[in-house]
């Protein structure tokens, strides 16, 4: 039987939501073992001078705990 845990991660990018997601996942797999999935909970765009200056994603990352 496997036991999983979920942790919330926020990541930002000046390029896109996809880039922010990739950066968040890259950081998660660098710190956590057995990462299995990510659910994008929220996306936020910061506007400065009438343009998007930053993309932010909040995600729930699940990983399986070691036995």
PDB file of N, CA and C in Angstrom:
ATOM      1  N   UNK A   1       0.839  -1.175   0.000  1.00  0.00           N
ATOM      2  CA  UNK A   1       0.000   0.000   0.000  1.00  0.00           C
ATOM      3  C   UNK A   1       0.889   1.245   0.000  1.00  0.00           C
ATOM      4  N   UNK A   2       0.521   2.216  -0.814  1.00  0.00           N
ATOM      5  CA  UNK A   2       1.261   3.474  -0.895  1.00  0.00           C
ATOM      6  C   UNK A   2       0.518   4.574  -0.153  1.00  0.00           C
ATOM      7  N   UNK A   3       1.290   5.444   0.449  1.00  0.00           N
ATOM      8  CA  UNK A   3       0.746   6.624   1.123  1.00  0.00           C
ATOM      9  C   UNK A   3       1.297   7.845   0.395  1.00  0.00           C
ATOM     10  N   UNK A   4       0.412   8.763   0.045  1.00  0.00           N
ATOM     11  CA  UNK A   4       0.829   9.976  -0.658  1.00  0.00           C
ATOM     12  C   UNK A   4       0.601  11.195   0.228  1.00  0.00           C
ATOM     13  N   UNK A   5       1.336  12.229  -0.089  1.00  0.00           N
ATOM     14  CA  UNK A   5       1.209  13.490   0.618  1.00  0.00           C
ATOM     15  C   UNK A   5       1.060  14.581  -0.437  1.00  0.00           C
ATOM     16  N   UNK A   6       0.404  15.672  -0.076  1.00  0.00           N
ATOM     17  CA  UNK A   6       0.219  16.794  -0.992  1.00  0.00           C
ATOM     18  C   UNK A   6       0.809  18.039  -0.356  1.00  0.00           C
ATOM     19  N   UNK A   7       1.555  18.793  -1.161  1.00  0.00           N
ATOM     20  CA  UNK A   7       2.108  20.060  -0.690  1.00  0.00           C
ATOM     21  C   UNK A   7       1.751  21.154  -1.690  1.00  0.00           C
ATOM     22  N   UNK A   8       1.580  22.363  -1.194  1.00  0.00           N
ATOM     23  CA  UNK A   8       1.221  23.491  -2.054  1.00  0.00           C
ATOM     24  C   UNK A   8       2.475  24.271  -2.423  1.00  0.00           C
ATOM     25  N   UNK A   9       2.587  24.590  -3.703  1.00  0.00           N
ATOM     26  CA  UNK A   9       3.756  25.315  -4.220  1.00  0.00           C
ATOM     27  C   UNK A   9       3.267  26.497  -5.055  1.00  0.00           C
ATOM     28  N   UNK A  10       3.931  27.630  -4.938  1.00  0.00           N
ATOM     29  CA  UNK A  10       3.684  28.792  -5.795  1.00  0.00           C
ATOM     30  C   UNK A  10       4.939  29.049  -6.604  1.00  0.00           C
ATOM     31  N   UNK A  11       4.758  29.391  -7.870  1.00  0.00           N
ATOM     32  CA  UNK A  11       5.903  29.682  -8.736  1.00  0.00           C
ATOM     33  C   UNK A  11       5.543  30.847  -9.657  1.00  0.00           C
ATOM     34  N   UNK A  12       6.549  31.616 -10.042  1.00  0.00           N
ATOM     35  CA  UNK A  12       6.319  32.773 -10.912  1.00  0.00           C
ATOM     36  C   UNK A  12       7.228  32.737 -12.126  1.00  0.00           C
ATOM     37  N   UNK A  13       6.809  33.467 -13.153  1.00  0.00           N
ATOM     38  CA  UNK A  13       7.602  33.604 -14.375  1.00  0.00           C
ATOM     39  C   UNK A  13       7.219  34.903 -15.068  1.00  0.00           C
ATOM     40  N   UNK A  14       8.173  35.561 -15.692  1.00  0.00           N
ATOM     41  CA  UNK A  14       7.821  36.736 -16.489  1.00  0.00           C
ATOM     42  C   UNK A  14       7.312  36.356 -17.887  1.00  0.00           C
ATOM     43  N   UNK A  15       7.401  35.059 -18.254  1.00  0.00           N
ATOM     44  CA  UNK A  15       7.064  34.600 -19.614  1.00  0.00           C
ATOM     45  C   UNK A  15       5.629  34.125 -19.772  1.00  0.00           C
ATOM     46  N   UNK A  16       5.217  33.129 -18.937  1.00  0.00           N
ATOM     47  CA  UNK A  16       3.903  32.510 -19.143  1.00  0.00           C
ATOM     48  C   UNK A  16       3.509  31.662 -17.941  1.00  0.00           C
ATOM     49  N   UNK A  17       2.217  31.275 -17.914  1.00  0.00           N
ATOM     50  CA  UNK A  17       1.754  30.357 -16.884  1.00  0.00           C
ATOM     51  C   UNK A  17       2.448  29.000 -17.039  1.00  0.00           C
ATOM     52  N   UNK A  18       2.625  28.564 -18.278  1.00  0.00           N
ATOM     53  CA  UNK A  18       3.294  27.279 -18.520  1.00  0.00           C
ATOM     54  C   UNK A  18       4.719  27.299 -17.989  1.00  0.00           C
ATOM     55  N   UNK A  19       5.441  28.384 -18.218  1.00  0.00           N
ATOM     56  CA  UNK A  19       6.810  28.493 -17.720  1.00  0.00           C
ATOM     57  C   UNK A  19       6.833  28.495 -16.186  1.00  0.00           C
ATOM     58  N   UNK A  20       5.890  29.190 -15.574  1.00  0.00           N
ATOM     59  CA  UNK A  20       5.806  29.200 -14.112  1.00  0.00           C
ATOM     60  C   UNK A  20       5.534  27.789 -13.591  1.00  0.00           C
ATOM     61  N   UNK A  21       4.649  27.053 -14.274  1.00  0.00           N
ATOM     62  CA  UNK A  21       4.353  25.671 -13.882  1.00  0.00           C
ATOM     63  C   UNK A  21       5.592  24.800 -14.009  1.00  0.00           C
ATOM     64  N   UNK A  22       6.307  24.919 -15.106  1.00  0.00           N
ATOM     65  CA  UNK A  22       7.531  24.129 -15.318  1.00  0.00           C
ATOM     66  C   UNK A  22       8.561  24.423 -14.237  1.00  0.00           C
ATOM     67  N   UNK A  23       8.723  25.694 -13.886  1.00  0.00           N
ATOM     68  CA  UNK A  23       9.678  26.068 -12.839  1.00  0.00           C
ATOM     69  C   UNK A  23       9.269  25.495 -11.489  1.00  0.00           C
ATOM     70  N   UNK A  24       7.980  25.544 -11.188  1.00  0.00           N
ATOM     71  CA  UNK A  24       7.494  24.997  -9.926  1.00  0.00           C
ATOM     72  C   UNK A  24       7.710  23.491  -9.835  1.00  0.00           C
ATOM     73  N   UNK A  25       7.409  22.779 -10.916  1.00  0.00           N
ATOM     74  CA  UNK A  25       7.601  21.324 -10.929  1.00  0.00           C
ATOM     75  C   UNK A  25       9.087  20.990 -10.840  1.00  0.00           C
ATOM     76  N   UNK A  26       9.927  21.717 -11.556  1.00  0.00           N
ATOM     77  CA  UNK A  26      11.364  21.467 -11.504  1.00  0.00           C
ATOM     78  C   UNK A  26      11.894  21.627 -10.081  1.00  0.00           C
ATOM     79  N   UNK A  27      11.402  22.629  -9.389  1.00  0.00           N
ATOM     80  CA  UNK A  27      11.833  22.843  -7.994  1.00  0.00           C
ATOM     81  C   UNK A  27      11.293  21.747  -7.086  1.00  0.00           C
ATOM     82  N   UNK A  28      10.060  21.330  -7.318  1.00  0.00           N
ATOM     83  CA  UNK A  28       9.457  20.277  -6.498  1.00  0.00           C
ATOM     84  C   UNK A  28      10.227  18.967  -6.624  1.00  0.00           C
ATOM     85  N   UNK A  29      10.546  18.547  -7.858  1.00  0.00           N
ATOM     86  CA  UNK A  29      11.247  17.273  -8.027  1.00  0.00           C
ATOM     87  C   UNK A  29      12.690  17.353  -7.542  1.00  0.00           C
ATOM     88  N   UNK A  30      13.218  18.570  -7.409  1.00  0.00           N
ATOM     89  CA  UNK A  30      14.555  18.753  -6.862  1.00  0.00           C
ATOM     90  C   UNK A  30      14.559  18.528  -5.348  1.00  0.00           C
ATOM     91  N   UNK A  31      13.434  18.828  -4.692  1.00  0.00           N
ATOM     92  CA  UNK A  31      13.344  18.731  -3.231  1.00  0.00           C
ATOM     93  C   UNK A  31      12.606  17.493  -2.732  1.00  0.00           C
ATOM     94  N   UNK A  32      11.670  16.987  -3.527  1.00  0.00           N
ATOM     95  CA  UNK A  32      10.813  15.885  -3.097  1.00  0.00           C
ATOM     96  C   UNK A  32      11.085  14.637  -3.940  1.00  0.00           C
ATOM     97  N   UNK A  33      10.912  13.474  -3.320  1.00  0.00           N
ATOM     98  CA  UNK A  33      11.048  12.213  -4.058  1.00  0.00           C
ATOM     99  C   UNK A  33       9.660  11.717  -4.443  1.00  0.00           C
ATOM    100  N   UNK A  34       9.602  10.965  -5.517  1.00  0.00           N
ATOM    101  CA  UNK A  34       8.382  10.276  -5.950  1.00  0.00           C
ATOM    102  C   UNK A  34       7.225  11.215  -6.260  1.00  0.00           C
ATOM    103  N   UNK A  35       7.517  12.358  -6.896  1.00  0.00           N
ATOM    104  CA  UNK A  35       6.456  13.278  -7.305  1.00  0.00           C
ATOM    105  C   UNK A  35       5.629  12.597  -8.394  1.00  0.00           C
ATOM    106  N   UNK A  36       4.305  12.599  -8.216  1.00  0.00           N
ATOM    107  CA  UNK A  36       3.424  11.875  -9.131  1.00  0.00           C
ATOM    108  C   UNK A  36       2.493  12.766  -9.941  1.00  0.00           C
ATOM    109  N   UNK A  37       2.059  13.900  -9.380  1.00  0.00           N
ATOM    110  CA  UNK A  37       1.115  14.742 -10.118  1.00  0.00           C
ATOM    111  C   UNK A  37       1.099  16.157  -9.555  1.00  0.00           C
ATOM    112  N   UNK A  38       0.495  17.045 -10.344  1.00  0.00           N
ATOM    113  CA  UNK A  38       0.320  18.432  -9.899  1.00  0.00           C
ATOM    114  C   UNK A  38      -1.033  18.923 -10.392  1.00  0.00           C
ATOM    115  N   UNK A  39      -1.765  19.579  -9.519  1.00  0.00           N
ATOM    116  CA  UNK A  39      -3.046  20.183  -9.852  1.00  0.00           C
ATOM    117  C   UNK A  39      -2.857  21.693  -9.759  1.00  0.00           C
ATOM    118  N   UNK A  40      -3.116  22.382 -10.875  1.00  0.00           N
ATOM    119  CA  UNK A  40      -2.994  23.835 -10.890  1.00  0.00           C
ATOM    120  C   UNK A  40      -4.255  24.404 -10.241  1.00  0.00           C
ATOM    121  N   UNK A  41      -4.088  24.907  -9.044  1.00  0.00           N
ATOM    122  CA  UNK A  41      -5.192  25.395  -8.224  1.00  0.00           C
ATOM    123  C   UNK A  41      -5.624  26.806  -8.624  1.00  0.00           C
ATOM    124  N   UNK A  42      -4.647  27.641  -9.013  1.00  0.00           N
ATOM    125  CA  UNK A  42      -4.937  29.044  -9.265  1.00  0.00           C
ATOM    126  C   UNK A  42      -3.882  29.623 -10.196  1.00  0.00           C
ATOM    127  N   UNK A  43      -4.290  30.582 -11.008  1.00  0.00           N
ATOM    128  CA  UNK A  43      -3.372  31.326 -11.871  1.00  0.00           C
ATOM    129  C   UNK A  43      -3.659  32.806 -11.693  1.00  0.00           C
ATOM    130  N   UNK A  44      -2.592  33.589 -11.549  1.00  0.00           N
ATOM    131  CA  UNK A  44      -2.736  35.026 -11.334  1.00  0.00           C
ATOM    132  C   UNK A  44      -1.748  35.765 -12.236  1.00  0.00           C
ATOM    133  N   UNK A  45      -2.225  36.783 -12.911  1.00  0.00           N
ATOM    134  CA  UNK A  45      -1.350  37.632 -13.726  1.00  0.00           C
ATOM    135  C   UNK A  45      -1.244  38.995 -13.050  1.00  0.00           C
ATOM    136  N   UNK A  46      -0.018  39.456 -12.852  1.00  0.00           N
ATOM    137  CA  UNK A  46       0.225  40.782 -12.282  1.00  0.00           C
ATOM    138  C   UNK A  46       0.367  41.765 -13.445  1.00  0.00           C
ATOM    139  N   UNK A  47      -0.341  42.878 -13.349  1.00  0.00           N
ATOM    140  CA  UNK A  47      -0.336  43.890 -14.417  1.00  0.00           C
ATOM    141  C   UNK A  47       0.426  45.122 -13.955  1.00  0.00           C
ATOM    142  N   UNK A  48       1.365  45.570 -14.776  1.00  0.00           N
ATOM    143  CA  UNK A  48       2.087  46.822 -14.543  1.00  0.00           C
ATOM    144  C   UNK A  48       2.186  47.575 -15.863  1.00  0.00           C
ATOM    145  N   UNK A  49       1.895  48.858 -15.837  1.00  0.00           N
ATOM    146  CA  UNK A  49       1.944  49.699 -17.044  1.00  0.00           C
ATOM    147  C   UNK A  49       1.115  49.108 -18.175  1.00  0.00           C
ATOM    148  N   UNK A  50      -0.081  48.616 -17.845  1.00  0.00           N
ATOM    149  CA  UNK A  50      -1.033  48.068 -18.814  1.00  0.00           C
ATOM    150  C   UNK A  50      -0.570  46.788 -19.502  1.00  0.00           C
ATOM    151  N   UNK A  51       0.431  46.112 -18.943  1.00  0.00           N
ATOM    152  CA  UNK A  51       0.921  44.848 -19.519  1.00  0.00           C
ATOM    153  C   UNK A  51       1.140  43.827 -18.406  1.00  0.00           C
ATOM    154  N   UNK A  52       1.084  42.560 -18.773  1.00  0.00           N
ATOM    155  CA  UNK A  52       1.368  41.507 -17.795  1.00  0.00           C
ATOM    156  C   UNK A  52       2.859  41.523 -17.484  1.00  0.00           C
ATOM    157  N   UNK A  53       3.190  41.655 -16.207  1.00  0.00           N
ATOM    158  CA  UNK A  53       4.598  41.689 -15.798  1.00  0.00           C
ATOM    159  C   UNK A  53       5.027  40.372 -15.160  1.00  0.00           C
ATOM    160  N   UNK A  54       4.050  39.603 -14.652  1.00  0.00           N
ATOM    161  CA  UNK A  54       4.398  38.357 -13.983  1.00  0.00           C
ATOM    162  C   UNK A  54       3.211  37.396 -14.021  1.00  0.00           C
ATOM    163  N   UNK A  55       3.529  36.133 -14.236  1.00  0.00           N
ATOM    164  CA  UNK A  55       2.545  35.055 -14.187  1.00  0.00           C
ATOM    165  C   UNK A  55       2.827  34.227 -12.946  1.00  0.00           C
ATOM    166  N   UNK A  56       1.786  33.925 -12.187  1.00  0.00           N
ATOM    167  CA  UNK A  56       1.963  33.137 -10.967  1.00  0.00           C
ATOM    168  C   UNK A  56       0.985  31.973 -10.976  1.00  0.00           C
ATOM    169  N   UNK A  57       1.479  30.796 -10.581  1.00  0.00           N
ATOM    170  CA  UNK A  57       0.617  29.623 -10.420  1.00  0.00           C
ATOM    171  C   UNK A  57       0.736  29.114  -8.994  1.00  0.00           C
ATOM    172  N   UNK A  58      -0.390  28.671  -8.456  1.00  0.00           N
ATOM    173  CA  UNK A  58      -0.428  27.971  -7.175  1.00  0.00           C
ATOM    174  C   UNK A  58      -0.821  26.541  -7.526  1.00  0.00           C
ATOM    175  N   UNK A  59      -0.008  25.577  -7.120  1.00  0.00           N
ATOM    176  CA  UNK A  59      -0.293  24.187  -7.463  1.00  0.00           C
ATOM    177  C   UNK A  59      -0.202  23.280  -6.253  1.00  0.00           C
ATOM    178  N   UNK A  60      -0.954  22.201  -6.328  1.00  0.00           N
ATOM    179  CA  UNK A  60      -0.928  21.163  -5.315  1.00  0.00           C
ATOM    180  C   UNK A  60      -0.147  20.006  -5.920  1.00  0.00           C
ATOM    181  N   UNK A  61       0.984  19.661  -5.321  1.00  0.00           N
ATOM    182  CA  UNK A  61       1.865  18.601  -5.848  1.00  0.00           C
ATOM    183  C   UNK A  61       1.738  17.387  -4.931  1.00  0.00           C
ATOM    184  N   UNK A  62       1.474  16.235  -5.547  1.00  0.00           N
ATOM    185  CA  UNK A  62       1.385  15.000  -4.747  1.00  0.00           C
ATOM    186  C   UNK A  62       2.630  14.159  -4.962  1.00  0.00           C
ATOM    187  N   UNK A  63       3.062  13.517  -3.877  1.00  0.00           N
ATOM    188  CA  UNK A  63       4.216  12.621  -3.941  1.00  0.00           C
ATOM    189  C   UNK A  63       3.988  11.453  -3.001  1.00  0.00           C
ATOM    190  N   UNK A  64       4.563  10.315  -3.372  1.00  0.00           N
ATOM    191  CA  UNK A  64       4.391   9.094  -2.589  1.00  0.00           C
ATOM    192  C   UNK A  64       5.492   9.034  -1.538  1.00  0.00           C
ATOM    193  N   UNK A  65       5.108   8.761  -0.307  1.00  0.00           N
ATOM    194  CA  UNK A  65       6.071   8.654   0.796  1.00  0.00           C
ATOM    195  C   UNK A  65       6.840   7.331   0.711  1.00  0.00           C
ATOM    196  N   UNK A  66       8.097   7.358   1.120  1.00  0.00           N
ATOM    197  CA  UNK A  66       8.901   6.134   1.171  1.00  0.00           C
ATOM    198  C   UNK A  66       8.349   5.197   2.240  1.00  0.00           C
ATOM    199  N   UNK A  67       8.513   3.906   1.994  1.00  0.00           N
ATOM    200  CA  UNK A  67       8.087   2.906   2.990  1.00  0.00           C
ATOM    201  C   UNK A  67       9.023   2.864   4.169  1.00  0.00           C
TER     202      UNK A  67
END
